């Protein structure tokens, strides 16, 4: 059986923030995890910081107007933690970071090279 594959190749140059967002979105898409735009922006900021103290981070996110208040950010962090996107550590689990299993690249020049193959299922 001969399989024909339609190849689509796109090359895009963008900011590091956009590359970080793309990695998070791709992880969430492939793992069927739904997140809002505000959640994505919040996770992007956390990825850039690597790790941060919860109260300090929520104030930063509120100051950047990603969420209206630090409490809204804390709620989003709790939700992301339940979805296994964030890990908490330290005294009273006040230190947060993106879950390392997501394998987000944030340092230096980043080239993402994803290859996805969509295969039509054969009917029996």
PDB file of N, CA and C in Angstrom:
ATOM      1  N   UNK A   1       0.838  -1.179   0.000  1.00  0.00           N
ATOM      2  CA  UNK A   1       0.000   0.000   0.000  1.00  0.00           C
ATOM      3  C   UNK A   1       0.885   1.245   0.000  1.00  0.00           C
ATOM      4  N   UNK A   2       0.597   2.163  -0.918  1.00  0.00           N
ATOM      5  CA  UNK A   2       1.376   3.381  -1.067  1.00  0.00           C
ATOM      6  C   UNK A   2       0.673   4.516  -0.338  1.00  0.00           C
ATOM      7  N   UNK A   3       1.373   5.184   0.579  1.00  0.00           N
ATOM      8  CA  UNK A   3       0.792   6.280   1.346  1.00  0.00           C
ATOM      9  C   UNK A   3       1.348   7.598   0.823  1.00  0.00           C
ATOM     10  N   UNK A   4       0.460   8.500   0.399  1.00  0.00           N
ATOM     11  CA  UNK A   4       0.875   9.830  -0.023  1.00  0.00           C
ATOM     12  C   UNK A   4       0.736  10.772   1.171  1.00  0.00           C
ATOM     13  N   UNK A   5       1.768  11.552   1.379  1.00  0.00           N
ATOM     14  CA  UNK A   5       1.777  12.479   2.507  1.00  0.00           C
ATOM     15  C   UNK A   5       1.852  13.894   1.959  1.00  0.00           C
ATOM     16  N   UNK A   6       0.944  14.745   2.407  1.00  0.00           N
ATOM     17  CA  UNK A   6       0.977  16.159   2.057  1.00  0.00           C
ATOM     18  C   UNK A   6       1.803  16.873   3.118  1.00  0.00           C
ATOM     19  N   UNK A   7       2.896  17.463   2.692  1.00  0.00           N
ATOM     20  CA  UNK A   7       3.804  18.113   3.637  1.00  0.00           C
ATOM     21  C   UNK A   7       3.569  19.623   3.634  1.00  0.00           C
ATOM     22  N   UNK A   8       3.427  20.170   4.824  1.00  0.00           N
ATOM     23  CA  UNK A   8       3.286  21.612   4.995  1.00  0.00           C
ATOM     24  C   UNK A   8       4.468  22.076   5.833  1.00  0.00           C
ATOM     25  N   UNK A   9       5.224  23.003   5.291  1.00  0.00           N
ATOM     26  CA  UNK A   9       6.393  23.500   6.017  1.00  0.00           C
ATOM     27  C   UNK A   9       6.259  25.008   6.176  1.00  0.00           C
ATOM     28  N   UNK A  10       6.394  25.478   7.397  1.00  0.00           N
ATOM     29  CA  UNK A  10       6.300  26.912   7.669  1.00  0.00           C
ATOM     30  C   UNK A  10       7.511  27.335   8.485  1.00  0.00           C
ATOM     31  N   UNK A  11       8.072  28.455   8.108  1.00  0.00           N
ATOM     32  CA  UNK A  11       9.199  29.014   8.860  1.00  0.00           C
ATOM     33  C   UNK A  11       8.793  30.405   9.320  1.00  0.00           C
ATOM     34  N   UNK A  12       8.884  30.604  10.615  1.00  0.00           N
ATOM     35  CA  UNK A  12       8.444  31.869  11.204  1.00  0.00           C
ATOM     36  C   UNK A  12       9.508  32.356  12.183  1.00  0.00           C
ATOM     37  N   UNK A  13       9.823  33.630  12.094  1.00  0.00           N
ATOM     38  CA  UNK A  13      10.735  34.244  13.058  1.00  0.00           C
ATOM     39  C   UNK A  13       9.877  35.108  13.975  1.00  0.00           C
ATOM     40  N   UNK A  14       9.995  34.887  15.264  1.00  0.00           N
ATOM     41  CA  UNK A  14       9.137  35.597  16.212  1.00  0.00           C
ATOM     42  C   UNK A  14       9.904  35.873  17.503  1.00  0.00           C
ATOM     43  N   UNK A  15       9.253  36.500  18.451  1.00  0.00           N
ATOM     44  CA  UNK A  15       9.892  36.831  19.732  1.00  0.00           C
ATOM     45  C   UNK A  15      10.025  35.581  20.610  1.00  0.00           C
ATOM     46  N   UNK A  16      10.905  35.682  21.577  1.00  0.00           N
ATOM     47  CA  UNK A  16      11.092  34.573  22.514  1.00  0.00           C
ATOM     48  C   UNK A  16       9.819  34.302  23.307  1.00  0.00           C
ATOM     49  N   UNK A  17       9.087  35.361  23.689  1.00  0.00           N
ATOM     50  CA  UNK A  17       7.829  35.175  24.420  1.00  0.00           C
ATOM     51  C   UNK A  17       6.849  34.338  23.602  1.00  0.00           C
ATOM     52  N   UNK A  18       6.760  34.623  22.309  1.00  0.00           N
ATOM     53  CA  UNK A  18       5.850  33.874  21.443  1.00  0.00           C
ATOM     54  C   UNK A  18       6.273  32.412  21.319  1.00  0.00           C
ATOM     55  N   UNK A  19       7.563  32.152  21.290  1.00  0.00           N
ATOM     56  CA  UNK A  19       8.065  30.772  21.218  1.00  0.00           C
ATOM     57  C   UNK A  19       7.736  30.023  22.508  1.00  0.00           C
ATOM     58  N   UNK A  20       7.861  30.700  23.637  1.00  0.00           N
ATOM     59  CA  UNK A  20       7.510  30.086  24.922  1.00  0.00           C
ATOM     60  C   UNK A  20       6.014  29.780  24.955  1.00  0.00           C
ATOM     61  N   UNK A  21       5.185  30.744  24.527  1.00  0.00           N
ATOM     62  CA  UNK A  21       3.734  30.521  24.473  1.00  0.00           C
ATOM     63  C   UNK A  21       3.393  29.335  23.574  1.00  0.00           C
ATOM     64  N   UNK A  22       4.055  29.265  22.430  1.00  0.00           N
ATOM     65  CA  UNK A  22       3.794  28.182  21.477  1.00  0.00           C
ATOM     66  C   UNK A  22       4.097  26.816  22.107  1.00  0.00           C
ATOM     67  N   UNK A  23       5.192  26.731  22.844  1.00  0.00           N
ATOM     68  CA  UNK A  23       5.539  25.462  23.495  1.00  0.00           C
ATOM     69  C   UNK A  23       4.486  25.056  24.519  1.00  0.00           C
ATOM     70  N   UNK A  24       4.022  26.017  25.303  1.00  0.00           N
ATOM     71  CA  UNK A  24       2.994  25.736  26.310  1.00  0.00           C
ATOM     72  C   UNK A  24       1.695  25.309  25.632  1.00  0.00           C
ATOM     73  N   UNK A  25       1.293  26.066  24.600  1.00  0.00           N
ATOM     74  CA  UNK A  25       0.066  25.731  23.867  1.00  0.00           C
ATOM     75  C   UNK A  25       0.149  24.345  23.229  1.00  0.00           C
ATOM     76  N   UNK A  26       1.297  24.034  22.649  1.00  0.00           N
ATOM     77  CA  UNK A  26       1.472  22.728  22.008  1.00  0.00           C
ATOM     78  C   UNK A  26       1.361  21.612  23.034  1.00  0.00           C
ATOM     79  N   UNK A  27       2.006  21.786  24.189  1.00  0.00           N
ATOM     80  CA  UNK A  27       1.922  20.781  25.252  1.00  0.00           C
ATOM     81  C   UNK A  27       0.468  20.586  25.674  1.00  0.00           C
ATOM     82  N   UNK A  28      -0.226  21.702  25.906  1.00  0.00           N
ATOM     83  CA  UNK A  28      -1.625  21.619  26.344  1.00  0.00           C
ATOM     84  C   UNK A  28      -2.499  20.979  25.270  1.00  0.00           C
ATOM     85  N   UNK A  29      -2.284  21.335  24.010  1.00  0.00           N
ATOM     86  CA  UNK A  29      -3.067  20.761  22.916  1.00  0.00           C
ATOM     87  C   UNK A  29      -2.843  19.247  22.823  1.00  0.00           C
ATOM     88  N   UNK A  30      -1.598  18.823  22.845  1.00  0.00           N
ATOM     89  CA  UNK A  30      -1.284  17.400  22.697  1.00  0.00           C
ATOM     90  C   UNK A  30      -1.746  16.570  23.894  1.00  0.00           C
ATOM     91  N   UNK A  31      -1.912  17.227  25.040  1.00  0.00           N
ATOM     92  CA  UNK A  31      -2.358  16.531  26.251  1.00  0.00           C
ATOM     93  C   UNK A  31      -3.807  16.843  26.602  1.00  0.00           C
ATOM     94  N   UNK A  32      -4.513  17.479  25.671  1.00  0.00           N
ATOM     95  CA  UNK A  32      -5.933  17.809  25.832  1.00  0.00           C
ATOM     96  C   UNK A  32      -6.219  18.572  27.130  1.00  0.00           C
ATOM     97  N   UNK A  33      -5.381  19.580  27.388  1.00  0.00           N
ATOM     98  CA  UNK A  33      -5.544  20.449  28.554  1.00  0.00           C
ATOM     99  C   UNK A  33      -6.024  21.800  28.049  1.00  0.00           C
ATOM    100  N   UNK A  34      -7.177  22.238  28.527  1.00  0.00           N
ATOM    101  CA  UNK A  34      -7.714  23.535  28.103  1.00  0.00           C
ATOM    102  C   UNK A  34      -7.244  24.633  29.048  1.00  0.00           C
ATOM    103  N   UNK A  35      -6.748  25.718  28.445  1.00  0.00           N
ATOM    104  CA  UNK A  35      -6.350  26.880  29.235  1.00  0.00           C
ATOM    105  C   UNK A  35      -6.852  28.139  28.533  1.00  0.00           C
ATOM    106  N   UNK A  36      -7.058  29.189  29.314  1.00  0.00           N
ATOM    107  CA  UNK A  36      -7.506  30.472  28.766  1.00  0.00           C
ATOM    108  C   UNK A  36      -6.291  31.286  28.316  1.00  0.00           C
ATOM    109  N   UNK A  37      -6.550  32.374  27.610  1.00  0.00           N
ATOM    110  CA  UNK A  37      -5.465  33.260  27.194  1.00  0.00           C
ATOM    111  C   UNK A  37      -4.741  33.831  28.412  1.00  0.00           C
ATOM    112  N   UNK A  38      -5.497  34.228  29.438  1.00  0.00           N
ATOM    113  CA  UNK A  38      -4.870  34.756  30.664  1.00  0.00           C
ATOM    114  C   UNK A  38      -4.004  33.698  31.336  1.00  0.00           C
ATOM    115  N   UNK A  39      -4.487  32.447  31.356  1.00  0.00           N
ATOM    116  CA  UNK A  39      -3.695  31.346  31.915  1.00  0.00           C
ATOM    117  C   UNK A  39      -2.396  31.183  31.129  1.00  0.00           C
ATOM    118  N   UNK A  40      -2.499  31.251  29.798  1.00  0.00           N
ATOM    119  CA  UNK A  40      -1.321  31.107  28.937  1.00  0.00           C
ATOM    120  C   UNK A  40      -0.314  32.213  29.206  1.00  0.00           C
ATOM    121  N   UNK A  41      -0.783  33.440  29.312  1.00  0.00           N
ATOM    122  CA  UNK A  41       0.125  34.554  29.591  1.00  0.00           C
ATOM    123  C   UNK A  41       0.781  34.411  30.960  1.00  0.00           C
ATOM    124  N   UNK A  42       0.007  33.954  31.926  1.00  0.00           N
ATOM    125  CA  UNK A  42       0.525  33.725  33.279  1.00  0.00           C
ATOM    126  C   UNK A  42       1.610  32.643  33.266  1.00  0.00           C
ATOM    127  N   UNK A  43       1.343  31.529  32.585  1.00  0.00           N
ATOM    128  CA  UNK A  43       2.313  30.434  32.499  1.00  0.00           C
ATOM    129  C   UNK A  43       3.563  30.869  31.741  1.00  0.00           C
ATOM    130  N   UNK A  44       3.392  31.721  30.741  1.00  0.00           N
ATOM    131  CA  UNK A  44       4.537  32.235  29.983  1.00  0.00           C
ATOM    132  C   UNK A  44       5.448  33.061  30.887  1.00  0.00           C
ATOM    133  N   UNK A  45       4.856  33.922  31.692  1.00  0.00           N
ATOM    134  CA  UNK A  45       5.652  34.736  32.632  1.00  0.00           C
ATOM    135  C   UNK A  45       6.378  33.852  33.638  1.00  0.00           C
ATOM    136  N   UNK A  46       5.707  32.811  34.121  1.00  0.00           N
ATOM    137  CA  UNK A  46       6.340  31.900  35.077  1.00  0.00           C
ATOM    138  C   UNK A  46       7.494  31.159  34.419  1.00  0.00           C
ATOM    139  N   UNK A  47       7.319  30.734  33.173  1.00  0.00           N
ATOM    140  CA  UNK A  47       8.397  30.035  32.452  1.00  0.00           C
ATOM    141  C   UNK A  47       9.617  30.942  32.314  1.00  0.00           C
ATOM    142  N   UNK A  48       9.402  32.215  32.054  1.00  0.00           N
ATOM    143  CA  UNK A  48      10.514  33.154  31.902  1.00  0.00           C
ATOM    144  C   UNK A  48      11.268  33.347  33.210  1.00  0.00           C
ATOM    145  N   UNK A  49      10.561  33.261  34.333  1.00  0.00           N
ATOM    146  CA  UNK A  49      11.186  33.441  35.649  1.00  0.00           C
ATOM    147  C   UNK A  49      11.835  32.166  36.172  1.00  0.00           C
ATOM    148  N   UNK A  50      11.488  31.032  35.614  1.00  0.00           N
ATOM    149  CA  UNK A  50      11.894  29.701  36.055  1.00  0.00           C
ATOM    150  C   UNK A  50      11.147  29.301  37.323  1.00  0.00           C
ATOM    151  N   UNK A  51      11.359  29.998  38.423  1.00  0.00           N
ATOM    152  CA  UNK A  51      10.578  29.737  39.629  1.00  0.00           C
ATOM    153  C   UNK A  51      10.430  31.050  40.383  1.00  0.00           C
ATOM    154  N   UNK A  52       9.403  31.110  41.236  1.00  0.00           N
ATOM    155  CA  UNK A  52       9.127  32.360  41.943  1.00  0.00           C
ATOM    156  C   UNK A  52       8.287  32.069  43.181  1.00  0.00           C
ATOM    157  N   UNK A  53       8.388  32.960  44.142  1.00  0.00           N
ATOM    158  CA  UNK A  53       7.558  32.873  45.334  1.00  0.00           C
ATOM    159  C   UNK A  53       6.144  33.292  44.936  1.00  0.00           C
ATOM    160  N   UNK A  54       5.150  32.541  45.394  1.00  0.00           N
ATOM    161  CA  UNK A  54       3.764  32.687  44.962  1.00  0.00           C
ATOM    162  C   UNK A  54       3.213  34.113  45.111  1.00  0.00           C
ATOM    163  N   UNK A  55       3.347  34.714  46.288  1.00  0.00           N
ATOM    164  CA  UNK A  55       2.791  36.045  46.527  1.00  0.00           C
ATOM    165  C   UNK A  55       3.438  37.085  45.618  1.00  0.00           C
ATOM    166  N   UNK A  56       4.758  37.009  45.485  1.00  0.00           N
ATOM    167  CA  UNK A  56       5.495  37.935  44.618  1.00  0.00           C
ATOM    168  C   UNK A  56       5.041  37.767  43.161  1.00  0.00           C
ATOM    169  N   UNK A  57       4.902  36.527  42.722  1.00  0.00           N
ATOM    170  CA  UNK A  57       4.497  36.244  41.349  1.00  0.00           C
ATOM    171  C   UNK A  57       3.082  36.769  41.074  1.00  0.00           C
ATOM    172  N   UNK A  58       2.157  36.520  41.984  1.00  0.00           N
ATOM    173  CA  UNK A  58       0.774  36.962  41.790  1.00  0.00           C
ATOM    174  C   UNK A  58       0.678  38.485  41.746  1.00  0.00           C
ATOM    175  N   UNK A  59       1.488  39.174  42.524  1.00  0.00           N
ATOM    176  CA  UNK A  59       1.522  40.640  42.476  1.00  0.00           C
ATOM    177  C   UNK A  59       2.064  41.110  41.126  1.00  0.00           C
ATOM    178  N   UNK A  60       3.109  40.455  40.642  1.00  0.00           N
ATOM    179  CA  UNK A  60       3.690  40.783  39.339  1.00  0.00           C
ATOM    180  C   UNK A  60       2.667  40.607  38.215  1.00  0.00           C
ATOM    181  N   UNK A  61       1.951  39.494  38.239  1.00  0.00           N
ATOM    182  CA  UNK A  61       0.956  39.199  37.208  1.00  0.00           C
ATOM    183  C   UNK A  61      -0.189  40.206  37.274  1.00  0.00           C
ATOM    184  N   UNK A  62      -0.575  40.593  38.466  1.00  0.00           N
ATOM    185  CA  UNK A  62      -1.622  41.603  38.643  1.00  0.00           C
ATOM    186  C   UNK A  62      -1.140  42.965  38.134  1.00  0.00           C
ATOM    187  N   UNK A  63       0.117  43.316  38.427  1.00  0.00           N
ATOM    188  CA  UNK A  63       0.689  44.585  37.959  1.00  0.00           C
ATOM    189  C   UNK A  63       0.752  44.632  36.430  1.00  0.00           C
ATOM    190  N   UNK A  64       0.972  43.482  35.800  1.00  0.00           N
ATOM    191  CA  UNK A  64       1.030  43.405  34.328  1.00  0.00           C
ATOM    192  C   UNK A  64      -0.361  43.342  33.710  1.00  0.00           C
ATOM    193  N   UNK A  65      -1.384  43.372  34.550  1.00  0.00           N
ATOM    194  CA  UNK A  65      -2.792  43.354  34.116  1.00  0.00           C
ATOM    195  C   UNK A  65      -3.185  42.064  33.386  1.00  0.00           C
ATOM    196  N   UNK A  66      -2.477  40.956  33.674  1.00  0.00           N
ATOM    197  CA  UNK A  66      -2.851  39.661  33.102  1.00  0.00           C
ATOM    198  C   UNK A  66      -4.099  39.164  33.820  1.00  0.00           C
ATOM    199  N   UNK A  67      -4.111  39.328  35.146  1.00  0.00           N
ATOM    200  CA  UNK A  67      -5.301  39.104  35.947  1.00  0.00           C
ATOM    201  C   UNK A  67      -5.587  40.385  36.708  1.00  0.00           C
ATOM    202  N   UNK A  68      -6.858  40.606  37.072  1.00  0.00           N
ATOM    203  CA  UNK A  68      -7.252  41.855  37.724  1.00  0.00           C
ATOM    204  C   UNK A  68      -6.716  41.987  39.136  1.00  0.00           C
ATOM    205  N   UNK A  69      -6.495  40.845  39.800  1.00  0.00           N
ATOM    206  CA  UNK A  69      -6.032  40.910  41.187  1.00  0.00           C
ATOM    207  C   UNK A  69      -5.088  39.747  41.477  1.00  0.00           C
ATOM    208  N   UNK A  70      -4.274  39.885  42.529  1.00  0.00           N
ATOM    209  CA  UNK A  70      -3.420  38.765  42.935  1.00  0.00           C
ATOM    210  C   UNK A  70      -4.238  37.505  43.262  1.00  0.00           C
ATOM    211  N   UNK A  71      -5.440  37.689  43.821  1.00  0.00           N
ATOM    212  CA  UNK A  71      -6.275  36.529  44.153  1.00  0.00           C
ATOM    213  C   UNK A  71      -6.696  35.779  42.889  1.00  0.00           C
ATOM    214  N   UNK A  72      -7.007  36.490  41.823  1.00  0.00           N
ATOM    215  CA  UNK A  72      -7.362  35.842  40.553  1.00  0.00           C
ATOM    216  C   UNK A  72      -6.182  35.034  40.022  1.00  0.00           C
ATOM    217  N   UNK A  73      -4.987  35.576  40.200  1.00  0.00           N
ATOM    218  CA  UNK A  73      -3.777  34.848  39.801  1.00  0.00           C
ATOM    219  C   UNK A  73      -3.607  33.591  40.647  1.00  0.00           C
ATOM    220  N   UNK A  74      -3.806  33.708  41.954  1.00  0.00           N
ATOM    221  CA  UNK A  74      -3.697  32.530  42.838  1.00  0.00           C
ATOM    222  C   UNK A  74      -4.692  31.455  42.423  1.00  0.00           C
ATOM    223  N   UNK A  75      -5.896  31.867  42.057  1.00  0.00           N
ATOM    224  CA  UNK A  75      -6.904  30.903  41.601  1.00  0.00           C
ATOM    225  C   UNK A  75      -6.431  30.197  40.329  1.00  0.00           C
ATOM    226  N   UNK A  76      -5.832  30.953  39.415  1.00  0.00           N
ATOM    227  CA  UNK A  76      -5.321  30.368  38.168  1.00  0.00           C
ATOM    228  C   UNK A  76      -4.155  29.415  38.447  1.00  0.00           C
ATOM    229  N   UNK A  77      -3.304  29.780  39.406  1.00  0.00           N
ATOM    230  CA  UNK A  77      -2.171  28.920  39.788  1.00  0.00           C
ATOM    231  C   UNK A  77      -2.692  27.606  40.368  1.00  0.00           C
ATOM    232  N   UNK A  78      -3.703  27.682  41.215  1.00  0.00           N
ATOM    233  CA  UNK A  78      -4.299  26.473  41.794  1.00  0.00           C
ATOM    234  C   UNK A  78      -4.872  25.584  40.695  1.00  0.00           C
ATOM    235  N   UNK A  79      -5.568  26.198  39.748  1.00  0.00           N
ATOM    236  CA  UNK A  79      -6.152  25.452  38.630  1.00  0.00           C
ATOM    237  C   UNK A  79      -5.050  24.808  37.776  1.00  0.00           C
ATOM    238  N   UNK A  80      -3.984  25.559  37.492  1.00  0.00           N
ATOM    239  CA  UNK A  80      -2.874  25.027  36.697  1.00  0.00           C
ATOM    240  C   UNK A  80      -2.148  23.901  37.437  1.00  0.00           C
ATOM    241  N   UNK A  81      -2.061  24.026  38.754  1.00  0.00           N
ATOM    242  CA  UNK A  81      -1.438  22.981  39.563  1.00  0.00           C
ATOM    243  C   UNK A  81      -2.254  21.688  39.502  1.00  0.00           C
ATOM    244  N   UNK A  82      -3.587  21.818  39.545  1.00  0.00           N
ATOM    245  CA  UNK A  82      -4.457  20.637  39.447  1.00  0.00           C
ATOM    246  C   UNK A  82      -4.351  19.978  38.074  1.00  0.00           C
ATOM    247  N   UNK A  83      -4.017  20.770  37.058  1.00  0.00           N
ATOM    248  CA  UNK A  83      -3.831  20.236  35.701  1.00  0.00           C
ATOM    249  C   UNK A  83      -2.399  19.748  35.485  1.00  0.00           C
ATOM    250  N   UNK A  84      -1.587  19.797  36.549  1.00  0.00           N
ATOM    251  CA  UNK A  84      -0.196  19.334  36.541  1.00  0.00           C
ATOM    252  C   UNK A  84       0.706  20.181  35.633  1.00  0.00           C
ATOM    253  N   UNK A  85       0.365  21.452  35.463  1.00  0.00           N
ATOM    254  CA  UNK A  85       1.186  22.357  34.659  1.00  0.00           C
ATOM    255  C   UNK A  85       2.212  23.090  35.515  1.00  0.00           C
ATOM    256  N   UNK A  86       1.945  23.158  36.823  1.00  0.00           N
ATOM    257  CA  UNK A  86       2.810  23.878  37.764  1.00  0.00           C
ATOM    258  C   UNK A  86       3.144  22.966  38.929  1.00  0.00           C
ATOM    259  N   UNK A  87       4.365  23.084  39.430  1.00  0.00           N
ATOM    260  CA  UNK A  87       4.735  22.368  40.651  1.00  0.00           C
ATOM    261  C   UNK A  87       4.952  23.401  41.753  1.00  0.00           C
ATOM    262  N   UNK A  88       4.650  22.983  42.972  1.00  0.00           N
ATOM    263  CA  UNK A  88       4.834  23.837  44.143  1.00  0.00           C
ATOM    264  C   UNK A  88       5.831  23.151  45.070  1.00  0.00           C
ATOM    265  N   UNK A  89       6.670  23.957  45.706  1.00  0.00           N
ATOM    266  CA  UNK A  89       7.653  23.395  46.630  1.00  0.00           C
ATOM    267  C   UNK A  89       7.932  24.392  47.748  1.00  0.00           C
ATOM    268  N   UNK A  90       8.788  24.001  48.666  1.00  0.00           N
ATOM    269  CA  UNK A  90       9.186  24.888  49.749  1.00  0.00           C
ATOM    270  C   UNK A  90       8.208  24.883  50.906  1.00  0.00           C
ATOM    271  N   UNK A  91       8.450  25.790  51.850  1.00  0.00           N
ATOM    272  CA  UNK A  91       7.613  25.923  53.032  1.00  0.00           C
ATOM    273  C   UNK A  91       6.205  26.329  52.593  1.00  0.00           C
ATOM    274  N   UNK A  92       5.223  25.565  53.032  1.00  0.00           N
ATOM    275  CA  UNK A  92       3.815  25.811  52.690  1.00  0.00           C
ATOM    276  C   UNK A  92       3.564  25.845  51.177  1.00  0.00           C
ATOM    277  N   UNK A  93       4.452  25.198  50.420  1.00  0.00           N
ATOM    278  CA  UNK A  93       4.316  25.115  48.950  1.00  0.00           C
ATOM    279  C   UNK A  93       4.124  26.493  48.327  1.00  0.00           C
ATOM    280  N   UNK A  94       4.963  27.433  48.763  1.00  0.00           N
ATOM    281  CA  UNK A  94       4.850  28.813  48.292  1.00  0.00           C
ATOM    282  C   UNK A  94       5.763  29.129  47.109  1.00  0.00           C
ATOM    283  N   UNK A  95       6.635  28.197  46.722  1.00  0.00           N
ATOM    284  CA  UNK A  95       7.509  28.418  45.579  1.00  0.00           C
ATOM    285  C   UNK A  95       6.919  27.671  44.380  1.00  0.00           C
ATOM    286  N   UNK A  96       6.711  28.366  43.271  1.00  0.00           N
ATOM    287  CA  UNK A  96       6.064  27.755  42.115  1.00  0.00           C
ATOM    288  C   UNK A  96       6.977  27.785  40.896  1.00  0.00           C
ATOM    289  N   UNK A  97       6.785  26.817  40.025  1.00  0.00           N
ATOM    290  CA  UNK A  97       7.492  26.791  38.749  1.00  0.00           C
ATOM    291  C   UNK A  97       6.704  25.938  37.772  1.00  0.00           C
ATOM    292  N   UNK A  98       6.976  26.118  36.498  1.00  0.00           N
ATOM    293  CA  UNK A  98       6.347  25.292  35.485  1.00  0.00           C
ATOM    294  C   UNK A  98       6.816  23.857  35.689  1.00  0.00           C
ATOM    295  N   UNK A  99       5.937  22.900  35.494  1.00  0.00           N
ATOM    296  CA  UNK A  99       6.302  21.495  35.668  1.00  0.00           C
ATOM    297  C   UNK A  99       7.431  21.143  34.690  1.00  0.00           C
ATOM    298  N   UNK A 100       8.555  20.618  35.186  1.00  0.00           N
ATOM    299  CA  UNK A 100       9.692  20.289  34.311  1.00  0.00           C
ATOM    300  C   UNK A 100       9.360  19.273  33.212  1.00  0.00           C
ATOM    301  N   UNK A 101       8.331  18.455  33.417  1.00  0.00           N
ATOM    302  CA  UNK A 101       7.993  17.450  32.397  1.00  0.00           C
ATOM    303  C   UNK A 101       7.493  18.094  31.104  1.00  0.00           C
ATOM    304  N   UNK A 102       7.097  19.372  31.168  1.00  0.00           N
ATOM    305  CA  UNK A 102       6.652  20.086  29.975  1.00  0.00           C
ATOM    306  C   UNK A 102       7.836  20.381  29.053  1.00  0.00           C
ATOM    307  N   UNK A 103       9.023  20.464  29.625  1.00  0.00           N
ATOM    308  CA  UNK A 103      10.274  20.672  28.893  1.00  0.00           C
ATOM    309  C   UNK A 103      10.257  21.945  28.046  1.00  0.00           C
ATOM    310  N   UNK A 104       9.917  23.055  28.670  1.00  0.00           N
ATOM    311  CA  UNK A 104       9.885  24.352  27.987  1.00  0.00           C
ATOM    312  C   UNK A 104      11.297  24.909  27.886  1.00  0.00           C
ATOM    313  N   UNK A 105      11.664  25.342  26.692  1.00  0.00           N
ATOM    314  CA  UNK A 105      12.960  25.980  26.467  1.00  0.00           C
ATOM    315  C   UNK A 105      12.772  27.490  26.559  1.00  0.00           C
ATOM    316  N   UNK A 106      13.591  28.154  27.373  1.00  0.00           N
ATOM    317  CA  UNK A 106      13.439  29.595  27.564  1.00  0.00           C
ATOM    318  C   UNK A 106      14.745  30.364  27.388  1.00  0.00           C
ATOM    319  N   UNK A 107      15.855  29.682  27.287  1.00  0.00           N
ATOM    320  CA  UNK A 107      17.165  30.345  27.259  1.00  0.00           C
ATOM    321  C   UNK A 107      17.738  30.401  25.852  1.00  0.00           C
ATOM    322  N   UNK A 108      18.414  31.499  25.538  1.00  0.00           N
ATOM    323  CA  UNK A 108      19.113  31.625  24.265  1.00  0.00           C
ATOM    324  C   UNK A 108      18.173  31.689  23.068  1.00  0.00           C
ATOM    325  N   UNK A 109      18.738  31.468  21.889  1.00  0.00           N
ATOM    326  CA  UNK A 109      17.953  31.419  20.659  1.00  0.00           C
ATOM    327  C   UNK A 109      17.304  30.047  20.576  1.00  0.00           C
ATOM    328  N   UNK A 110      16.012  30.011  20.309  1.00  0.00           N
ATOM    329  CA  UNK A 110      15.264  28.754  20.346  1.00  0.00           C
ATOM    330  C   UNK A 110      14.713  28.437  18.958  1.00  0.00           C
ATOM    331  N   UNK A 111      15.022  27.244  18.459  1.00  0.00           N
ATOM    332  CA  UNK A 111      14.446  26.746  17.219  1.00  0.00           C
ATOM    333  C   UNK A 111      13.585  25.545  17.569  1.00  0.00           C
ATOM    334  N   UNK A 112      12.301  25.641  17.298  1.00  0.00           N
ATOM    335  CA  UNK A 112      11.394  24.521  17.562  1.00  0.00           C
ATOM    336  C   UNK A 112      11.239  23.727  16.275  1.00  0.00           C
ATOM    337  N   UNK A 113      11.352  22.420  16.373  1.00  0.00           N
ATOM    338  CA  UNK A 113      11.248  21.562  15.189  1.00  0.00           C
ATOM    339  C   UNK A 113      10.296  20.418  15.503  1.00  0.00           C
ATOM    340  N   UNK A 114       9.003  20.712  15.439  1.00  0.00           N
ATOM    341  CA  UNK A 114       7.985  19.693  15.681  1.00  0.00           C
ATOM    342  C   UNK A 114       7.653  19.011  14.362  1.00  0.00           C
ATOM    343  N   UNK A 115       7.445  17.716  14.408  1.00  0.00           N
ATOM    344  CA  UNK A 115       6.980  16.987  13.240  1.00  0.00           C
ATOM    345  C   UNK A 115       5.752  16.185  13.657  1.00  0.00           C
ATOM    346  N   UNK A 116       4.602  16.508  13.062  1.00  0.00           N
ATOM    347  CA  UNK A 116       3.352  15.830  13.380  1.00  0.00           C
ATOM    348  C   UNK A 116       2.855  15.142  12.117  1.00  0.00           C
ATOM    349  N   UNK A 117       2.411  13.926  12.256  1.00  0.00           N
ATOM    350  CA  UNK A 117       1.852  13.174  11.135  1.00  0.00           C
ATOM    351  C   UNK A 117       0.413  12.829  11.462  1.00  0.00           C
ATOM    352  N   UNK A 118      -0.501  13.364  10.666  1.00  0.00           N
ATOM    353  CA  UNK A 118      -1.923  13.052  10.835  1.00  0.00           C
ATOM    354  C   UNK A 118      -2.293  11.942   9.884  1.00  0.00           C
ATOM    355  N   UNK A 119      -2.668  10.783  10.430  1.00  0.00           N
ATOM    356  CA  UNK A 119      -2.951   9.604   9.620  1.00  0.00           C
ATOM    357  C   UNK A 119      -4.449   9.352   9.616  1.00  0.00           C
ATOM    358  N   UNK A 120      -5.008   9.165   8.419  1.00  0.00           N
ATOM    359  CA  UNK A 120      -6.417   8.807   8.324  1.00  0.00           C
ATOM    360  C   UNK A 120      -6.594   7.386   8.830  1.00  0.00           C
ATOM    361  N   UNK A 121      -7.620   7.188   9.637  1.00  0.00           N
ATOM    362  CA  UNK A 121      -7.857   5.838  10.157  1.00  0.00           C
ATOM    363  C   UNK A 121      -8.501   4.995   9.054  1.00  0.00           C
ATOM    364  N   UNK A 122      -8.108   3.738   9.018  1.00  0.00           N
ATOM    365  CA  UNK A 122      -8.672   2.819   8.024  1.00  0.00           C
ATOM    366  C   UNK A 122      -9.946   2.223   8.574  1.00  0.00           C
ATOM    367  N   UNK A 123     -10.997   2.225   7.737  1.00  0.00           N
ATOM    368  CA  UNK A 123     -12.264   1.635   8.167  1.00  0.00           C
ATOM    369  C   UNK A 123     -12.224   0.142   7.918  1.00  0.00           C
ATOM    370  N   UNK A 124     -12.768  -0.633   8.844  1.00  0.00           N
ATOM    371  CA  UNK A 124     -12.772  -2.090   8.723  1.00  0.00           C
ATOM    372  C   UNK A 124     -14.076  -2.564   8.128  1.00  0.00           C
TER     373      UNK A 124
END
